[in-house]
N, C-alpha and C. Protein backbone atom coordinates (compact mmCIF):
# COMPACT_ATOMS: atom_id res chain seq x y z
N UNK A 1 15.45 15.34 -6.54
CA UNK A 1 14.92 14.31 -7.27
C UNK A 1 14.78 13.95 -8.47
N UNK A 2 15.13 12.73 -9.04
CA UNK A 2 15.26 12.90 -10.71
C UNK A 2 13.73 11.88 -11.08
N UNK A 3 13.62 11.57 -12.00
CA UNK A 3 12.19 11.09 -12.26
C UNK A 3 12.78 10.35 -13.32
N UNK A 4 11.83 9.30 -13.80
CA UNK A 4 11.69 8.31 -15.06
C UNK A 4 10.53 7.68 -14.99
N UNK A 5 10.06 8.18 -16.11
CA UNK A 5 8.80 7.51 -16.57
C UNK A 5 8.90 6.27 -17.85
N UNK A 6 8.56 5.15 -17.66
CA UNK A 6 8.96 4.13 -18.43
C UNK A 6 7.84 3.69 -19.12
N UNK A 7 6.85 4.02 -18.79
CA UNK A 7 5.70 3.12 -20.13
C UNK A 7 4.23 3.94 -19.36
N UNK A 8 3.39 3.40 -19.58
CA UNK A 8 1.92 4.27 -19.58
C UNK A 8 1.57 3.48 -18.66
N UNK A 9 0.70 4.78 -17.96
CA UNK A 9 -0.03 4.38 -16.49
C UNK A 9 -1.25 4.73 -16.37
N UNK A 10 -2.03 4.97 -17.59
CA UNK A 10 -3.20 5.69 -17.77
C UNK A 10 -3.44 5.12 -18.39
N UNK A 11 -5.07 4.83 -19.07
CA UNK A 11 -6.22 4.93 -20.35
C UNK A 11 -6.45 3.11 -20.23
N UNK A 12 -6.10 2.57 -19.08
CA UNK A 12 -6.54 0.91 -19.30
C UNK A 12 -7.84 0.69 -18.97
N UNK A 13 -8.88 0.09 -19.57
CA UNK A 13 -9.90 0.15 -19.55
C UNK A 13 -10.19 -1.47 -19.22
N UNK A 14 -9.50 -1.76 -18.22
CA UNK A 14 -10.07 -3.41 -18.16
C UNK A 14 -10.57 -3.96 -17.02
N UNK A 15 -11.09 -2.89 -16.01
CA UNK A 15 -12.06 -3.24 -15.30
C UNK A 15 -11.32 -2.54 -13.70
N UNK A 16 -11.91 -2.85 -12.67
CA UNK A 16 -11.70 -2.46 -11.59
C UNK A 16 -9.73 -3.06 -10.67
N UNK A 17 -8.92 -2.21 -10.87
CA UNK A 17 -7.74 -2.99 -10.63
C UNK A 17 -7.37 -3.28 -8.75
N UNK A 18 -6.54 -3.62 -8.52
CA UNK A 18 -6.33 -4.25 -7.28
C UNK A 18 -4.79 -3.63 -7.12
N UNK A 19 -4.56 -2.33 -6.18
CA UNK A 19 -3.51 -2.17 -6.12
C UNK A 19 -2.52 -2.25 -4.51
N UNK A 20 -1.64 -2.17 -4.66
CA UNK A 20 -1.17 -2.49 -3.36
C UNK A 20 0.04 -1.91 -3.23
N UNK A 21 0.42 -1.01 -1.73
CA UNK A 21 1.52 -0.20 -1.47
C UNK A 21 2.32 -0.60 -0.63
N UNK A 22 3.55 -0.33 -0.02
CA UNK A 22 4.64 -0.92 0.39
C UNK A 22 5.69 -0.46 0.65
N UNK A 23 6.77 -0.13 2.08
CA UNK A 23 8.08 0.59 1.69
C UNK A 23 8.89 -0.77 1.80
N UNK A 24 9.95 -1.20 1.95
CA UNK A 24 10.87 -1.85 2.01
C UNK A 24 12.35 -1.31 2.05
N UNK A 25 13.31 -1.92 2.91
CA UNK A 25 14.58 -1.88 2.74
C UNK A 25 15.41 -2.17 1.42
N UNK A 26 16.35 -1.90 1.47
CA UNK A 26 17.60 -2.33 0.11
C UNK A 26 17.40 -4.42 0.43
N UNK A 27 17.13 -4.84 1.02
CA UNK A 27 17.57 -6.00 1.23
C UNK A 27 15.73 -6.79 0.88
N UNK A 28 14.87 -5.76 0.81
CA UNK A 28 13.75 -6.70 0.67
C UNK A 28 12.91 -6.64 2.11
N UNK A 29 13.03 -6.11 3.12
CA UNK A 29 12.32 -6.16 4.23
C UNK A 29 11.76 -5.20 4.75
N UNK A 30 10.29 -5.56 5.19
CA UNK A 30 9.79 -4.37 5.54
C UNK A 30 9.42 -3.93 7.40
N UNK A 31 10.60 -4.94 8.00
CA UNK A 31 10.25 -4.52 9.27
C UNK A 31 11.98 -5.20 9.69
N UNK A 32 12.37 -4.53 10.83
CA UNK A 32 13.81 -5.07 11.06
C UNK A 32 13.82 -6.28 12.10
N UNK A 33 14.95 -6.27 12.62
CA UNK A 33 15.56 -7.33 13.42
C UNK A 33 14.71 -7.10 14.68
N UNK A 34 14.14 -6.15 14.96
CA UNK A 34 13.23 -5.89 16.53
C UNK A 34 12.18 -6.49 16.36
N UNK A 35 11.59 -6.72 15.10
CA UNK A 35 10.41 -7.13 15.21
C UNK A 35 9.32 -6.69 13.94
N UNK A 36 7.87 -6.90 14.20
CA UNK A 36 7.12 -5.85 13.22
C UNK A 36 7.45 -4.31 13.75
N UNK A 37 7.38 -4.39 14.82
CA UNK A 37 7.49 -2.59 14.96
C UNK A 37 8.96 -2.11 14.58
N UNK A 38 9.53 -2.85 14.23
CA UNK A 38 11.11 -2.37 13.65
C UNK A 38 11.02 -1.43 12.40
N UNK A 39 10.76 -0.10 12.09
CA UNK A 39 10.75 0.23 10.90
C UNK A 39 11.72 1.68 10.63
N UNK A 40 12.68 1.13 11.59
CA UNK A 40 14.12 2.05 11.69
C UNK A 40 14.76 2.65 10.06
N UNK A 41 14.64 1.41 9.35
CA UNK A 41 15.08 1.78 7.85
C UNK A 41 13.80 2.31 7.00
N UNK A 42 12.55 2.53 7.32
CA UNK A 42 11.70 2.71 6.15
C UNK A 42 11.10 4.40 7.16
N UNK A 43 11.00 4.47 8.45
CA UNK A 43 10.45 5.68 8.62
C UNK A 43 10.90 6.97 8.48
N UNK A 44 12.20 6.97 8.34
CA UNK A 44 13.36 8.38 8.29
C UNK A 44 12.75 9.06 6.94
N UNK A 45 12.59 8.03 5.69
CA UNK A 45 12.26 8.19 4.53
C UNK A 45 10.38 8.39 4.21
N UNK A 46 10.24 8.27 5.06
CA UNK A 46 8.55 8.40 5.07
C UNK A 46 7.86 10.06 4.90
N UNK A 47 8.65 10.85 5.41
CA UNK A 47 8.13 12.09 4.92
C UNK A 47 9.41 12.87 3.86
N UNK A 48 10.04 12.60 2.98
CA UNK A 48 10.61 13.31 1.87
C UNK A 48 9.35 13.78 1.03
N UNK A 49 9.74 14.32 0.38
CA UNK A 49 9.23 14.76 -0.48
C UNK A 49 8.82 14.43 -2.05
N UNK A 50 9.76 13.07 -2.16
CA UNK A 50 9.79 11.70 -3.28
C UNK A 50 8.27 10.60 -2.33
N UNK A 51 8.22 10.67 -1.08
CA UNK A 51 7.45 9.69 -0.46
C UNK A 51 6.18 10.30 -0.50
N UNK A 52 5.99 11.86 -0.20
CA UNK A 52 4.73 12.35 -0.18
C UNK A 52 4.04 12.48 -1.62
N UNK A 53 4.55 12.58 -2.47
CA UNK A 53 4.07 12.32 -3.78
C UNK A 53 3.67 11.51 -4.36
N UNK A 54 4.55 10.34 -4.02
CA UNK A 54 4.46 8.55 -4.24
C UNK A 54 2.89 8.29 -3.69
N UNK A 55 3.06 8.79 -2.23
CA UNK A 55 1.36 8.57 -1.68
C UNK A 55 0.21 8.96 -1.80
N UNK A 56 0.25 10.47 -2.86
CA UNK A 56 -0.71 10.74 -3.36
C UNK A 56 -0.83 10.18 -4.52
N UNK A 57 0.07 9.52 -5.27
CA UNK A 57 -0.53 8.59 -6.53
C UNK A 57 -1.10 7.15 -5.75
N UNK A 58 -0.56 6.86 -5.06
CA UNK A 58 -1.15 5.57 -4.33
C UNK A 58 -2.60 5.63 -4.38
N UNK A 59 -3.06 6.84 -3.93
CA UNK A 59 -4.76 6.65 -3.25
C UNK A 59 -5.42 7.43 -4.47
N UNK A 60 -4.99 8.18 -5.51
CA UNK A 60 -5.74 8.86 -6.04
C UNK A 60 -6.69 7.85 -7.19
N UNK A 61 -7.48 7.96 -7.35
CA UNK A 61 -8.20 6.75 -8.21
C UNK A 61 -8.91 5.62 -7.31
N UNK A 62 -8.38 5.45 -6.80
CA UNK A 62 -9.11 4.16 -5.54
C UNK A 62 -10.24 4.67 -4.70
N UNK A 63 -10.92 3.85 -4.83
CA UNK A 63 -12.19 4.15 -3.86
C UNK A 63 -12.60 2.94 -2.88
N UNK A 64 -11.81 2.36 -2.76
CA UNK A 64 -12.00 1.25 -1.58
C UNK A 64 -10.14 0.79 -1.02
N UNK A 65 -10.55 0.71 0.19
CA UNK A 65 -9.16 0.93 1.26
C UNK A 65 -9.34 -0.56 1.64
N UNK A 66 -8.25 -1.57 1.78
CA UNK A 66 -7.88 -2.94 1.88
C UNK A 66 -6.63 -2.86 2.73
N UNK A 67 -7.42 -3.24 4.16
CA UNK A 67 -6.27 -3.34 5.44
C UNK A 67 -6.41 -4.16 6.29
N UNK A 68 -5.47 -4.83 7.05
CA UNK A 68 -5.50 -5.93 8.19
C UNK A 68 -6.00 -5.06 9.32
N UNK A 69 -6.36 -5.79 10.49
CA UNK A 69 -6.69 -5.39 11.67
C UNK A 69 -5.55 -4.39 12.14
N UNK A 70 -4.49 -5.01 12.15
CA UNK A 70 -3.15 -3.80 12.97
C UNK A 70 -3.21 -2.36 12.16
N UNK A 71 -3.31 -2.19 11.04
CA UNK A 71 -2.83 -1.19 10.58
C UNK A 71 -4.23 -0.31 10.30
N UNK A 72 -5.38 -1.06 10.46
CA UNK A 72 -6.78 -0.32 10.80
C UNK A 72 -6.85 0.17 12.14
N UNK A 73 -6.46 -0.20 13.17
CA UNK A 73 -6.21 0.01 14.38
C UNK A 73 -5.09 1.56 14.49
N UNK A 74 -3.83 1.27 13.57
CA UNK A 74 -2.56 1.96 14.10
C UNK A 74 -3.17 3.31 13.22
N UNK A 75 -3.53 3.01 12.27
CA UNK A 75 -4.17 4.40 10.99
C UNK A 75 -4.96 5.23 11.73
N UNK A 76 -5.63 4.54 12.72
CA UNK A 76 -7.00 5.05 13.30
C UNK A 76 -6.53 6.08 14.09
N UNK A 77 -5.44 6.09 15.12
CA UNK A 77 -4.53 6.85 15.99
C UNK A 77 -4.02 7.38 15.39
N UNK A 78 -3.80 7.82 13.77
CA UNK A 78 -3.05 8.73 13.77
C UNK A 78 -4.05 9.63 12.64
N UNK A 79 -4.25 9.27 11.36
CA UNK A 79 -4.55 9.94 10.42
C UNK A 79 -5.77 10.84 10.42
N UNK A 80 -6.83 10.50 11.20
CA UNK A 80 -7.85 11.10 11.41
C UNK A 80 -7.87 12.71 11.80
N UNK A 81 -6.32 12.81 12.84
CA UNK A 81 -6.51 14.14 13.50
C UNK A 81 -4.95 14.98 12.03
N UNK A 82 -4.65 13.90 11.39
CA UNK A 82 -3.87 14.88 10.31
C UNK A 82 -5.32 15.45 9.14
N UNK A 83 -6.02 14.71 9.04
CA UNK A 83 -6.88 15.19 7.94
C UNK A 83 -7.76 16.65 8.53
N UNK A 84 -7.96 16.63 9.94
CA UNK A 84 -8.54 17.71 10.59
C UNK A 84 -7.42 18.87 10.67
N UNK A 85 -6.26 19.01 10.18
CA UNK A 85 -4.88 19.57 10.53
C UNK A 85 -4.48 20.76 9.79
N UNK A 86 -4.94 21.82 9.53
CA UNK A 86 -4.61 22.36 8.41
C UNK A 86 -3.12 23.25 8.21
N UNK A 87 -2.55 22.76 9.37
CA UNK A 87 -1.19 22.84 9.05
C UNK A 87 -0.37 21.75 8.67
N UNK A 88 -1.04 20.89 8.29
CA UNK A 88 -0.50 19.84 8.05
C UNK A 88 0.08 19.54 6.27
N UNK A 89 1.17 19.12 6.01
CA UNK A 89 1.36 18.81 4.19
C UNK A 89 0.11 18.59 3.66
N UNK A 90 -0.29 19.41 2.75
CA UNK A 90 -1.34 18.94 1.83
C UNK A 90 -1.58 18.06 1.15
N UNK A 91 -0.18 17.28 0.98
CA UNK A 91 -0.28 15.90 0.58
C UNK A 91 -0.47 14.96 1.61
N UNK A 92 -0.18 14.97 3.03
CA UNK A 92 -0.42 14.25 3.76
C UNK A 92 -1.88 14.39 4.24
N UNK A 93 -2.61 15.54 4.25
CA UNK A 93 -3.86 15.80 4.40
C UNK A 93 -4.70 15.22 3.35
N UNK A 94 -4.37 15.16 2.33
CA UNK A 94 -5.35 14.85 1.09
C UNK A 94 -5.12 13.04 1.47
N UNK A 95 -4.10 12.46 1.60
CA UNK A 95 -4.38 10.92 1.72
C UNK A 95 -4.85 10.72 3.42
N UNK A 96 -5.16 11.83 4.16
CA UNK A 96 -6.09 11.22 5.57
C UNK A 96 -6.87 11.61 4.82
N UNK A 97 -7.39 12.34 4.55
CA UNK A 97 -8.84 12.69 4.13
C UNK A 97 -9.83 11.65 3.42
N UNK A 98 -8.74 11.49 2.42
CA UNK A 98 -9.50 10.07 1.35
C UNK A 98 -9.75 8.91 2.44
N UNK A 99 -8.83 8.71 2.91
CA UNK A 99 -8.52 7.25 4.18
C UNK A 99 -9.77 7.73 5.13
N UNK A 100 -10.06 8.67 5.42
CA UNK A 100 -10.92 8.68 6.57
C UNK A 100 -12.34 8.33 5.71
N UNK A 101 -12.69 8.96 4.58
CA UNK A 101 -13.82 9.34 3.90
C UNK A 101 -14.11 8.24 3.06
N UNK A 102 -13.33 7.15 2.53
CA UNK A 102 -13.51 6.24 1.49
C UNK A 102 -13.89 4.82 2.51
N UNK A 103 -14.67 3.66 1.38
CA UNK A 103 -15.25 2.92 1.75
C UNK A 103 -13.58 2.02 2.17
N UNK A 104 -13.81 1.54 3.70
CA UNK A 104 -12.46 0.44 4.21
C UNK A 104 -13.22 -1.39 4.20
N UNK A 105 -12.22 -1.85 3.55
CA UNK A 105 -12.90 -3.51 4.16
C UNK A 105 -11.43 -3.84 5.03
N UNK A 106 -12.13 -4.19 6.24
CA UNK A 106 -10.92 -4.51 7.59
C UNK A 106 -10.87 -6.19 7.34
N UNK A 107 -9.66 -6.88 7.13
CA UNK A 107 -9.74 -8.53 7.71
C UNK A 107 -9.39 -8.36 9.27
N UNK A 108 -10.34 -9.36 10.15
CA UNK A 108 -10.03 -9.54 11.17
C UNK A 108 -10.68 -10.78 11.95
N UNK A 109 -10.07 -11.60 12.51
CA UNK A 109 -10.55 -12.38 13.32
C UNK A 109 -10.99 -12.24 14.46
N UNK A 110 -10.92 -11.32 15.34
CA UNK A 110 -10.69 -10.95 16.33
C UNK A 110 -11.66 -9.62 16.83
N UNK A 111 -11.59 -8.30 15.89
CA UNK A 111 -12.67 -7.35 16.03
C UNK A 111 -13.96 -7.68 16.11
N UNK A 112 -15.02 -7.48 16.94
CA UNK A 112 -16.33 -7.25 16.77
C UNK A 112 -16.88 -6.47 16.41
N UNK A 113 -16.41 -5.19 16.20
CA UNK A 113 -17.27 -3.95 16.23
C UNK A 113 -15.98 -3.12 15.15
N UNK A 114 -16.36 -2.22 14.10
CA UNK A 114 -15.90 -1.94 13.11
C UNK A 114 -15.08 -0.47 13.57
N UNK A 115 -13.74 -0.10 13.56
CA UNK A 115 -12.78 0.74 14.45
C UNK A 115 -13.20 2.17 13.41
N UNK A 116 -13.56 1.91 12.34
CA UNK A 116 -13.79 3.22 11.62
C UNK A 116 -15.11 3.54 11.03
N UNK A 117 -15.61 4.82 10.59
CA UNK A 117 -16.86 4.66 9.91
C UNK A 117 -16.57 4.34 8.42
N UNK A 118 -17.62 3.61 7.85
CA UNK A 118 -17.48 3.39 6.42
C UNK A 118 -16.75 2.21 6.36
N UNK A 119 -16.64 1.26 7.20
CA UNK A 119 -15.96 0.31 7.25
C UNK A 119 -16.45 -1.23 7.38
N UNK A 120 -15.98 -2.06 6.60
CA UNK A 120 -16.95 -3.50 6.78
C UNK A 120 -15.61 -4.82 7.26
N UNK A 121 -16.08 -5.23 8.52
CA UNK A 121 -15.13 -6.26 8.67
C UNK A 121 -15.45 -7.68 8.06
N UNK A 122 -14.33 -8.26 7.61
CA UNK A 122 -14.47 -9.14 7.12
C UNK A 122 -13.64 -10.54 7.49
N UNK A 123 -13.93 -11.63 7.75
CA UNK A 123 -13.17 -13.29 8.35
C UNK A 123 -13.25 -14.17 7.18
N UNK A 124 -12.78 -13.69 6.17
CA UNK A 124 -13.03 -15.00 4.92
C UNK A 124 -11.66 -14.70 4.12
N UNK A 125 -11.14 -15.78 3.26
CA UNK A 125 -10.15 -15.88 2.77
C UNK A 125 -10.03 -14.18 1.69
N UNK A 126 -8.24 -14.04 2.10
CA UNK A 126 -8.36 -13.09 1.24
C UNK A 126 -8.95 -13.01 -0.19
N UNK A 127 -8.20 -13.96 -0.47
CA UNK A 127 -8.68 -14.23 -2.39
C UNK A 127 -10.15 -14.07 -2.51
N UNK A 128 -10.68 -14.74 -2.34
CA UNK A 128 -12.28 -14.43 -1.62
C UNK A 128 -12.63 -12.98 -1.91
N UNK A 129 -12.36 -12.18 -1.20
CA UNK A 129 -12.87 -10.95 -0.41
C UNK A 129 -12.34 -10.05 -1.70
N UNK A 130 -10.83 -10.08 -2.13
CA UNK A 130 -10.38 -8.92 -3.11
C UNK A 130 -11.18 -9.88 -4.06
N UNK A 131 -11.08 -10.90 -4.48
CA UNK A 131 -11.97 -11.16 -5.68
C UNK A 131 -13.61 -10.88 -5.63
N UNK A 132 -13.74 -10.49 -5.23
CA UNK A 132 -15.12 -10.34 -5.03
C UNK A 132 -15.16 -8.46 -5.49
N UNK A 133 -14.18 -8.01 -4.47
CA UNK A 133 -14.34 -6.37 -4.55
C UNK A 133 -14.01 -6.28 -6.10
N UNK A 134 -12.92 -7.09 -6.77
CA UNK A 134 -12.65 -6.75 -7.82
C UNK A 134 -13.46 -7.02 -9.08
N UNK A 135 -14.58 -7.53 -8.86
CA UNK A 135 -15.63 -7.84 -9.71
C UNK A 135 -16.68 -7.16 -9.48
N UNK A 136 -16.80 -6.05 -8.97
CA UNK A 136 -18.15 -5.49 -8.68
C UNK A 136 -17.37 -3.47 -7.95
N UNK A 137 -18.32 -3.09 -8.38
CA UNK A 137 -18.08 -1.70 -7.95
C UNK A 137 -17.25 -0.55 -9.31
N UNK A 138 -16.63 0.54 -8.73
CA UNK A 138 -16.32 1.21 -9.59
C UNK A 138 -14.86 1.89 -8.82
N UNK A 139 -13.61 1.89 -9.60
CA UNK A 139 -12.84 2.77 -8.83
C UNK A 139 -11.63 1.53 -8.46
N UNK A 140 -10.56 1.99 -8.44
CA UNK A 140 -9.27 0.72 -7.93
C UNK A 140 -9.47 0.72 -6.43
N UNK A 141 -8.83 -1.10 -6.08
CA UNK A 141 -8.78 -1.25 -4.71
C UNK A 141 -7.55 -1.14 -4.21
N UNK A 142 -7.14 -0.35 -3.00
CA UNK A 142 -6.08 -0.08 -2.62
C UNK A 142 -5.85 -1.25 -1.28
N UNK A 143 -4.88 -2.16 -1.36
CA UNK A 143 -4.55 -2.98 -0.26
C UNK A 143 -3.41 -2.05 0.57
N UNK A 144 -3.68 -1.38 1.44
CA UNK A 144 -3.11 -0.01 1.94
C UNK A 144 -2.16 -0.49 3.21
N UNK A 145 -0.73 -1.25 2.50
CA UNK A 145 0.44 -1.20 3.67
C UNK A 145 0.00 -2.43 4.50
N UNK A 146 -0.78 -2.81 3.99
CA UNK A 146 -1.20 -4.17 5.09
C UNK A 146 -0.46 -5.90 4.60
N UNK A 147 0.65 -6.16 5.15
CA UNK A 147 1.68 -7.06 4.69
C UNK A 147 1.00 -8.35 4.54
N UNK A 148 0.12 -8.80 5.13
CA UNK A 148 -0.47 -10.05 5.34
C UNK A 148 -1.56 -10.42 4.30
N UNK A 149 -2.13 -9.35 4.34
CA UNK A 149 -3.09 -8.97 2.88
C UNK A 149 -2.68 -9.18 1.55
N UNK A 150 -1.21 -8.12 1.54
CA UNK A 150 -0.47 -8.23 0.36
C UNK A 150 0.46 -9.39 -0.11
N UNK A 151 0.74 -10.44 0.83
CA UNK A 151 0.87 -11.19 0.85
C UNK A 151 0.17 -12.47 0.09
N UNK A 152 -1.32 -12.55 1.01
CA UNK A 152 -2.27 -13.53 0.19
C UNK A 152 -2.76 -13.09 -1.07
N UNK A 153 -2.67 -11.74 -1.32
CA UNK A 153 -3.05 -10.96 -2.50
C UNK A 153 -2.14 -11.87 -3.61
N UNK A 154 -0.69 -11.81 -3.65
CA UNK A 154 0.02 -12.07 -4.07
C UNK A 154 0.25 -13.27 -4.77
N UNK A 155 -0.12 -14.15 -3.92
CA UNK A 155 -0.12 -15.72 -3.77
C UNK A 155 -1.16 -16.09 -4.47
N UNK A 156 -2.16 -15.44 -4.60
CA UNK A 156 -3.71 -15.44 -5.34
C UNK A 156 -3.49 -15.01 -6.90
N UNK A 157 -2.10 -14.18 -7.10
CA UNK A 157 -2.39 -13.54 -8.15
C UNK A 157 -3.60 -12.60 -8.51
N UNK A 158 -3.43 -11.66 -7.40
CA UNK A 158 -4.69 -10.74 -7.77
C UNK A 158 -4.34 -9.27 -7.90
N UNK A 159 -2.85 -9.20 -7.50
CA UNK A 159 -2.38 -8.04 -7.46
C UNK A 159 -2.36 -7.32 -9.14
N UNK A 160 -2.64 -6.09 -9.56
CA UNK A 160 -2.57 -5.85 -11.00
C UNK A 160 -1.55 -4.65 -10.70
N UNK A 161 -1.10 -4.00 -9.52
CA UNK A 161 -0.56 -2.62 -9.88
C UNK A 161 0.29 -3.06 -8.06
N UNK A 162 1.66 -2.35 -8.43
CA UNK A 162 2.23 -2.49 -6.94
C UNK A 162 3.48 -1.35 -6.69
N UNK A 163 3.13 -0.55 -6.01
CA UNK A 163 3.85 0.40 -5.73
C UNK A 163 4.65 0.51 -4.35
N UNK A 164 5.86 0.39 -4.79
CA UNK A 164 7.40 0.05 -3.93
C UNK A 164 8.23 1.56 -3.61
N UNK A 165 8.06 1.45 -2.04
CA UNK A 165 9.30 2.40 -2.22
C UNK A 165 10.16 1.77 -1.28
N UNK A 166 11.33 1.90 -2.10
CA UNK A 166 12.84 0.91 -1.37
C UNK A 166 13.73 2.06 -0.78
N UNK A 167 13.96 2.26 0.00
CA UNK A 167 14.71 2.84 0.89
C UNK A 167 16.43 2.46 0.90
N UNK A 168 17.12 3.12 1.15
CA UNK A 168 18.72 2.82 0.86
C UNK A 168 19.36 2.07 2.32
N UNK A 169 18.76 1.35 3.03
CA UNK A 169 19.31 0.63 3.90
C UNK A 169 19.11 -0.41 4.05
N UNK A 170 20.59 -1.51 4.70
CA UNK A 170 20.12 -3.01 4.95
C UNK A 170 19.53 -3.32 6.04
N UNK A 171 18.48 -4.06 6.14
CA UNK A 171 18.33 -4.12 7.67
C UNK A 171 18.81 -5.43 8.18
N UNK A 172 19.48 -6.13 7.22
CA UNK A 172 20.03 -7.23 7.50
C UNK A 172 19.48 -8.70 8.25
N UNK A 173 18.46 -8.29 8.92
CA UNK A 173 17.44 -9.39 9.07
C UNK A 173 15.76 -8.95 9.29
N UNK A 174 15.10 -9.30 9.90
CA UNK A 174 13.63 -8.92 9.53
C UNK A 174 12.56 -9.29 8.61
N UNK A 175 11.65 -9.35 8.64
CA UNK A 175 10.61 -9.76 7.84
C UNK A 175 10.44 -9.24 6.39
N UNK A 176 10.26 -10.34 5.13
CA UNK A 176 10.65 -10.43 3.88
C UNK A 176 9.17 -10.25 3.73
N UNK A 177 9.13 -9.11 2.34
CA UNK A 177 7.86 -9.05 1.53
C UNK A 177 7.26 -10.10 0.56
N UNK A 178 8.59 -11.02 0.29
CA UNK A 178 8.38 -11.64 -0.89
C UNK A 178 8.74 -13.16 -0.43
N UNK A 179 8.12 -13.74 -0.30
CA UNK A 179 8.17 -15.16 0.51
C UNK A 179 8.48 -16.05 -0.76
N UNK A 180 9.23 -17.21 -0.04
CA UNK A 180 9.25 -18.17 -1.38
C UNK A 180 8.04 -19.01 -1.73
N UNK A 181 7.85 -19.53 -2.87
CA UNK A 181 6.52 -20.02 -3.27
C UNK A 181 5.76 -19.51 -3.75
N UNK A 182 5.89 -17.79 -4.07
CA UNK A 182 5.12 -17.03 -4.50
C UNK A 182 4.95 -17.93 -5.85
N UNK A 183 3.44 -17.69 -6.93
CA UNK A 183 3.63 -17.91 -8.31
C UNK A 183 4.31 -17.02 -9.43
N UNK A 184 5.25 -17.55 -10.30
CA UNK A 184 5.86 -16.79 -11.17
C UNK A 184 5.06 -15.65 -11.72
N UNK A 185 5.51 -14.72 -11.87
CA UNK A 185 4.76 -13.74 -12.79
C UNK A 185 5.46 -12.82 -13.06
N UNK A 186 5.05 -11.89 -13.93
CA UNK A 186 5.86 -10.91 -14.99
C UNK A 186 5.62 -9.23 -14.76
N UNK A 187 6.11 -8.43 -14.15
CA UNK A 187 6.17 -7.21 -13.79
C UNK A 187 6.35 -6.09 -14.85
N UNK A 188 5.87 -5.02 -15.29
CA UNK A 188 6.49 -4.05 -15.91
C UNK A 188 6.61 -2.86 -15.12
N UNK A 189 7.77 -2.37 -15.51
CA UNK A 189 8.19 -1.08 -14.34
C UNK A 189 7.38 0.20 -15.44
N UNK A 190 6.59 0.96 -14.54
CA UNK A 190 5.75 1.94 -15.33
C UNK A 190 6.22 3.31 -14.86
N UNK A 191 6.62 3.19 -13.73
CA UNK A 191 7.02 4.80 -13.58
C UNK A 191 8.34 4.42 -11.95
N UNK A 192 9.35 5.43 -11.86
CA UNK A 192 10.49 5.35 -11.63
C UNK A 192 10.88 6.53 -11.08
N UNK A 193 11.12 6.77 -9.83
CA UNK A 193 11.36 7.95 -9.22
C UNK A 193 13.27 7.65 -8.15
N UNK A 194 13.85 8.85 -7.89
CA UNK A 194 14.67 8.64 -7.17
C UNK A 194 14.73 10.24 -6.02
N UNK A 195 14.81 10.02 -5.22
CA UNK A 195 14.79 11.08 -4.09
C UNK A 195 16.22 11.23 -3.71
N UNK A 196 16.45 12.53 -3.13
CA UNK A 196 17.81 13.37 -2.73
C UNK A 196 18.44 12.54 -2.07
N UNK A 197 17.91 11.44 -1.15
CA UNK A 197 18.27 10.68 -0.12
C UNK A 197 18.61 9.06 -0.42
N UNK A 198 18.35 9.39 -1.86
CA UNK A 198 18.85 7.95 -2.49
C UNK A 198 17.46 6.52 -2.39
N UNK A 199 16.10 7.19 -2.14
CA UNK A 199 15.51 5.99 -2.24
C UNK A 199 14.55 6.25 -3.51
N UNK A 200 14.13 4.90 -3.48
CA UNK A 200 13.46 4.82 -4.81
C UNK A 200 11.84 4.85 -4.49
N UNK A 201 11.07 5.43 -5.46
CA UNK A 201 9.76 5.29 -5.67
C UNK A 201 9.61 4.48 -7.04
N UNK A 202 8.98 2.97 -6.94
CA UNK A 202 8.24 2.64 -7.79
C UNK A 202 7.28 2.18 -8.22
N UNK A 203 6.74 1.92 -9.21
CA UNK A 203 5.42 1.42 -9.51
C UNK A 203 5.08 0.55 -10.84
N UNK A 204 4.79 -0.72 -10.51
CA UNK A 204 5.25 -2.17 -11.23
C UNK A 204 3.73 -2.17 -11.70
N UNK A 205 3.08 -2.53 -12.92
CA UNK A 205 2.18 -3.37 -13.40
C UNK A 205 2.43 -4.92 -13.80
N UNK A 206 1.30 -5.50 -13.42
CA UNK A 206 0.98 -6.67 -13.74
C UNK A 206 1.01 -7.05 -15.20
N UNK A 207 1.97 -7.81 -15.88
CA UNK A 207 1.73 -8.18 -17.76
C UNK A 207 0.94 -9.20 -17.21
N UNK A 208 -0.27 -9.16 -17.92
CA UNK A 208 -0.75 -11.01 -18.02
C UNK A 208 -1.07 -11.38 -19.26
């Protein structure tokens, strides 16, 4: 694994930042031609050392996780057991324990009862909710792999940091992360790593 640091990622004192993390294929798709559950170009790279180290950086320093309903319910079926598994990779377990213990905000129009402890359900515009979170509290806010929320936050120019995993596969079709019509913005590459299988872990900070 090779690593290149291209800028400063610490020492900012501008207040609470909003981060987001997502993995995409080389052609920018977070799911393949089979629909939202087709993660064939993503999953094989999720358990590499590069991905696990990247995951640790994603959650460290964040005190609020923001999720869409689908991810909240899917994560609930997996991560709590990892948090209790003494044989799990320590990086996976660290993330799992953070996710279980941290404050969670879940966007949903359907749920009437929170699927996790320490969870608040919201049915409001993403920009309003994230704007409120950004203006209050301490620690960073992590929009945790929930594409609908990430897209809305990008459209409202509310993201301060973007963690991207790019896998060396072309899906050919499927859903893209970056839709047409987003507001123009400039980003600084502040960290770059290359894994042994050709996957990339990138960190971009919004330049304002």
